[in-house]
Protein backbone atom coordinates (compact mmCIF):
# COMPACT_ATOMS: atom_id res chain seq x y z
CA MET A 1 -29.00 75.67 -6.29
CA SER A 2 -31.91 75.86 -3.85
CA ASN A 3 -31.62 75.64 -0.07
CA GLN A 4 -33.16 72.19 -0.34
CA ASP A 5 -30.17 70.96 -2.40
CA ASN A 6 -27.78 71.96 0.39
CA ASN A 7 -29.31 69.56 2.91
CA ARG A 8 -28.32 66.14 1.56
CA ALA A 9 -25.52 63.63 1.75
CA MET A 10 -22.79 63.73 -0.89
CA VAL A 11 -22.30 60.84 -3.28
CA PRO A 12 -18.96 59.35 -4.42
CA GLY A 13 -17.37 61.38 -7.23
CA GLU A 14 -19.55 64.44 -6.65
CA ALA A 15 -17.87 67.81 -7.21
CA LEU A 16 -17.63 70.07 -4.16
CA LYS A 17 -19.78 73.16 -4.50
CA PRO A 18 -19.84 76.07 -2.07
CA ASN A 19 -22.91 76.34 0.12
CA THR A 20 -25.05 78.96 -1.58
CA PHE A 21 -27.51 80.33 0.92
CA THR A 22 -30.25 82.58 -0.40
CA LEU A 23 -31.91 84.91 2.06
CA PRO A 24 -35.66 84.87 1.41
CA PRO A 25 -37.30 88.26 0.85
CA GLU A 26 -39.09 90.01 3.66
CA GLY A 27 -42.81 89.31 3.70
CA ILE A 28 -45.59 87.15 5.08
CA TYR A 29 -44.87 83.41 5.32
CA GLU A 30 -46.77 80.40 6.57
CA PHE A 31 -44.82 78.30 9.04
CA ARG A 32 -44.98 74.97 10.84
CA VAL A 33 -43.52 74.40 14.31
CA ASN A 34 -40.86 71.69 13.94
CA SER A 35 -39.68 71.43 17.53
CA VAL A 36 -39.52 73.07 20.93
CA THR A 37 -36.50 72.63 23.19
CA ASN A 38 -36.54 73.41 26.90
CA GLY A 39 -33.55 75.18 28.38
CA ARG A 40 -32.36 77.40 31.16
CA PHE A 41 -30.79 80.86 31.16
CA GLY A 42 -28.29 81.18 33.99
CA GLY A 43 -28.86 84.86 34.55
CA SER A 44 -26.85 88.02 33.86
CA PRO A 45 -26.35 91.44 35.44
CA LYS A 46 -29.40 92.64 33.47
CA MET A 47 -31.77 89.70 33.98
CA CYS A 48 -32.42 86.97 36.52
CA ALA A 49 -32.12 83.26 35.75
CA CYS A 50 -35.17 81.74 34.07
CA GLU A 51 -36.42 78.89 31.90
CA THR A 52 -36.14 79.22 28.12
CA ARG A 53 -37.90 77.70 25.12
CA GLU A 54 -36.27 77.47 21.70
CA VAL A 55 -38.92 77.19 18.99
CA LYS A 56 -37.83 75.99 15.55
CA ILE A 57 -40.21 76.83 12.73
CA GLN A 58 -40.01 75.91 9.07
CA ILE A 59 -41.02 78.14 6.16
CA GLU A 60 -41.04 77.52 2.43
CA THR A 61 -38.83 79.89 0.44
CA PRO A 62 -39.94 81.41 -2.88
CA GLU A 63 -37.54 79.00 -4.66
CA GLY A 64 -39.41 76.05 -3.14
CA GLY A 65 -36.76 75.20 -0.56
CA LYS A 66 -37.31 74.83 3.16
CA MET A 67 -35.76 77.13 5.75
CA VAL A 68 -35.71 76.62 9.50
CA LEU A 69 -35.74 79.64 11.79
CA SER A 70 -34.99 79.43 15.49
CA GLU A 71 -36.60 81.77 18.00
CA LYS A 72 -35.59 81.75 21.67
CA PHE A 73 -38.04 82.81 24.35
CA PHE A 74 -37.10 83.65 27.93
CA LEU A 75 -39.92 82.71 30.32
CA HIS A 76 -39.70 86.10 31.97
CA SER A 77 -42.23 88.89 32.36
CA PHE A 78 -40.42 91.14 29.88
CA GLN A 79 -41.18 88.65 27.07
CA ALA A 80 -44.82 88.03 27.96
CA ALA A 81 -46.09 89.96 24.90
CA SER A 82 -43.84 87.98 22.51
CA ILE A 83 -44.89 84.67 24.06
CA LEU A 84 -48.57 85.65 23.78
CA ALA A 85 -48.13 86.71 20.12
CA CYS A 86 -46.39 83.43 19.26
CA HIS A 87 -49.10 81.34 20.93
CA ALA A 88 -51.89 83.42 19.35
CA SER A 89 -50.34 82.97 15.88
CA ILE A 90 -50.93 79.22 16.06
CA GLY A 91 -54.37 79.51 17.63
CA LEU A 92 -53.55 78.52 21.22
CA CYS A 93 -55.09 81.70 22.61
CA ALA A 94 -56.78 84.92 21.57
CA PRO A 95 -54.39 87.73 20.52
CA ASP A 96 -55.78 89.98 23.26
CA ALA A 97 -55.88 87.33 26.03
CA GLU A 98 -55.16 88.91 29.40
CA ASP A 99 -54.95 85.88 31.68
CA TYR A 100 -53.52 83.27 29.30
CA ILE A 101 -51.41 80.62 31.05
CA PRO A 102 -49.40 78.54 28.55
CA GLU A 103 -48.60 74.91 29.14
CA TRP A 104 -45.21 74.58 30.81
CA ASP A 105 -44.01 72.00 28.26
CA TRP A 106 -44.61 73.82 24.97
CA SER A 107 -43.67 70.83 22.82
CA ASN A 108 -46.93 69.08 23.78
CA THR A 109 -49.09 71.92 22.46
CA MET A 110 -46.97 73.55 19.74
CA GLU A 111 -45.18 70.94 17.64
CA GLY A 112 -46.87 70.48 14.26
CA LYS A 113 -49.02 73.62 14.60
CA ARG A 114 -49.18 76.10 11.73
CA GLY A 115 -49.41 79.86 11.59
CA ARG A 116 -48.08 82.93 9.81
CA ILE A 117 -45.19 85.26 10.50
CA LYS A 118 -43.86 88.47 9.08
CA LEU A 119 -40.28 87.70 8.07
CA GLY A 120 -37.76 90.50 8.42
CA HIS A 121 -34.02 90.96 7.99
CA ARG A 122 -31.54 92.07 10.61
CA LYS A 123 -27.93 93.12 10.28
CA PHE A 124 -25.26 91.35 12.29
CA GLU A 125 -21.51 91.61 12.73
CA LYS A 126 -19.63 88.81 11.02
CA LYS A 127 -16.77 87.21 12.88
CA ASP A 128 -13.58 86.18 11.07
CA ASP A 129 -14.91 87.15 7.63
CA ALA A 130 -12.03 86.50 5.22
CA LYS A 131 -13.63 88.72 2.58
CA GLY A 132 -13.54 91.77 4.85
CA ASN A 133 -17.33 92.17 4.95
CA PRO A 134 -18.01 93.36 8.51
CA THR A 135 -21.80 92.94 8.44
CA GLY A 136 -24.29 90.46 7.07
CA LEU A 137 -28.04 89.93 6.90
CA ALA A 138 -30.06 87.23 8.61
CA ALA A 139 -33.72 86.29 8.49
CA GLU A 140 -35.74 86.79 11.66
CA VAL A 141 -39.32 86.70 12.85
CA ALA A 142 -40.34 90.37 12.75
CA ALA A 143 -43.88 89.60 13.97
CA TRP A 144 -46.05 86.62 14.87
CA LEU A 145 -49.37 87.20 13.11
CA SER A 146 -52.67 86.26 14.68
CA PRO A 147 -55.09 84.47 12.31
CA LEU A 148 -56.96 87.77 11.75
CA GLU A 149 -53.75 89.74 11.07
CA ALA A 150 -52.60 86.98 8.71
CA THR A 151 -55.86 87.18 6.77
CA LEU A 152 -55.64 90.97 6.49
CA ALA A 153 -51.98 90.81 5.42
CA SER A 154 -52.55 88.12 2.79
CA GLY A 155 -52.98 90.74 0.07
CA SER A 156 -49.54 92.29 0.68
CA THR A 157 -46.46 91.57 -1.40
CA GLY A 158 -44.08 88.88 -0.29
CA ASN A 159 -46.77 86.33 0.51
CA GLN A 160 -45.64 82.80 0.07
CA PRO A 161 -47.78 79.74 -0.57
CA GLY A 162 -48.35 77.22 2.18
CA PHE A 163 -46.59 73.90 2.16
């Protein structure tokens, strides 16, 4: 069963099947920005309060299914490099821009844009896992690739076709 089969309404008389999620392999993937949501971080002992942007991107898995990844950005100086890399990956600025000022409402400039990412895996602690498996794997954006980096990386393994 592909990931695409999991995202549909059930029909009367249909047998219940467990949700079978398949983690896509690490590699280079094309993406499309689905949505951007504005938010606010209330602050913590380690960081002051600031605006946030949650960017949801969609990739196509090797099985032909669609997968949505969510990346949260804090509009804070410590994330300036990540914000620049994300914006450069979809062509909003040069990868080495020094004085780039992004639009405050990212949804106006980002939604529908396409780019490439390097997909990685990260370990996480599972909560209330009945099977006793304390850790799991999740997909994450390991790097936002500029158009030049994406072109150079296109010969590596794990490349996926566009959609």
